């Protein structure tokens, strides 16, 4: 969030592609964690 803000970061601002890739990876990790919790507690079969 802050690294995509040119007012805060100036010339060191992240490119839009970098920000989108970061969000995509974060959502993938969250998805894996939710899956692991569901399998661990028996709410979903492998």
C-alpha atoms as a PDB file:
ATOM      1  CA  UNK A   1       0.000   0.000   0.000  1.00  0.00           C
ATOM      2  CA  UNK A   2       2.592   2.555   1.061  1.00  0.00           C
ATOM      3  CA  UNK A   3       5.143   1.457  -1.509  1.00  0.00           C
ATOM      4  CA  UNK A   4       2.671   2.102  -4.347  1.00  0.00           C
ATOM      5  CA  UNK A   5       2.063   5.689  -3.188  1.00  0.00           C
ATOM      6  CA  UNK A   6       4.235   8.137  -5.127  1.00  0.00           C
ATOM      7  CA  UNK A   7       3.612  10.914  -2.560  1.00  0.00           C
ATOM      8  CA  UNK A   8       5.218   8.783   0.149  1.00  0.00           C
ATOM      9  CA  UNK A   9       7.873   6.869  -1.811  1.00  0.00           C
ATOM     10  CA  UNK A  10       8.832   9.422  -4.446  1.00  0.00           C
ATOM     11  CA  UNK A  11      11.138   7.909  -7.050  1.00  0.00           C
ATOM     12  CA  UNK A  12      11.176   4.568  -5.209  1.00  0.00           C
ATOM     13  CA  UNK A  13       7.499   3.812  -5.817  1.00  0.00           C
ATOM     14  CA  UNK A  14       6.638   0.224  -6.839  1.00  0.00           C
ATOM     15  CA  UNK A  15       5.409  -0.433 -10.356  1.00  0.00           C
ATOM     16  CA  UNK A  16       1.790  -1.512 -10.737  1.00  0.00           C
ATOM     17  CA  UNK A  17       2.944  -4.976 -11.867  1.00  0.00           C
ATOM     18  CA  UNK A  18       4.984  -5.419  -8.683  1.00  0.00           C
ATOM     19  CA  UNK A  19       2.019  -4.425  -6.518  1.00  0.00           C
ATOM     20  CA  UNK A  20      -0.373  -6.762  -8.363  1.00  0.00           C
ATOM     21  CA  UNK A  21       2.093  -9.644  -8.185  1.00  0.00           C
ATOM     22  CA  UNK A  22       2.527  -9.080  -4.450  1.00  0.00           C
ATOM     23  CA  UNK A  23      -1.239  -9.119  -3.904  1.00  0.00           C
ATOM     24  CA  UNK A  24      -1.632 -12.258  -6.040  1.00  0.00           C
ATOM     25  CA  UNK A  25       1.049 -14.114  -4.067  1.00  0.00           C
ATOM     26  CA  UNK A  26      -0.468 -12.983  -0.755  1.00  0.00           C
ATOM     27  CA  UNK A  27      -3.931 -14.216  -1.816  1.00  0.00           C
ATOM     28  CA  UNK A  28      -2.460 -17.541  -2.920  1.00  0.00           C
ATOM     29  CA  UNK A  29      -0.785 -18.022   0.474  1.00  0.00           C
ATOM     30  CA  UNK A  30      -4.026 -17.087   2.274  1.00  0.00           C
ATOM     31  CA  UNK A  31      -5.886 -19.622   0.139  1.00  0.00           C
ATOM     32  CA  UNK A  32      -3.393 -22.354   1.017  1.00  0.00           C
ATOM     33  CA  UNK A  33      -3.715 -21.496   4.720  1.00  0.00           C
ATOM     34  CA  UNK A  34      -7.521 -21.673   4.588  1.00  0.00           C
ATOM     35  CA  UNK A  35      -7.295 -25.042   2.813  1.00  0.00           C
ATOM     36  CA  UNK A  36      -4.864 -26.336   5.448  1.00  0.00           C
ATOM     37  CA  UNK A  37      -7.167 -25.242   8.268  1.00  0.00           C
ATOM     38  CA  UNK A  38     -10.196 -26.882   6.654  1.00  0.00           C
ATOM     39  CA  UNK A  39      -8.337 -30.162   6.123  1.00  0.00           C
ATOM     40  CA  UNK A  40      -6.828 -30.060   9.615  1.00  0.00           C
ATOM     41  CA  UNK A  41     -10.206 -29.645  11.314  1.00  0.00           C
ATOM     42  CA  UNK A  42     -11.900 -32.221   9.102  1.00  0.00           C
ATOM     43  CA  UNK A  43     -14.216 -29.780   7.360  1.00  0.00           C
ATOM     44  CA  UNK A  44     -12.844 -30.754   3.956  1.00  0.00           C
ATOM     45  CA  UNK A  45     -11.368 -33.945   2.565  1.00  0.00           C
ATOM     46  CA  UNK A  46      -7.999 -33.984   0.826  1.00  0.00           C
END
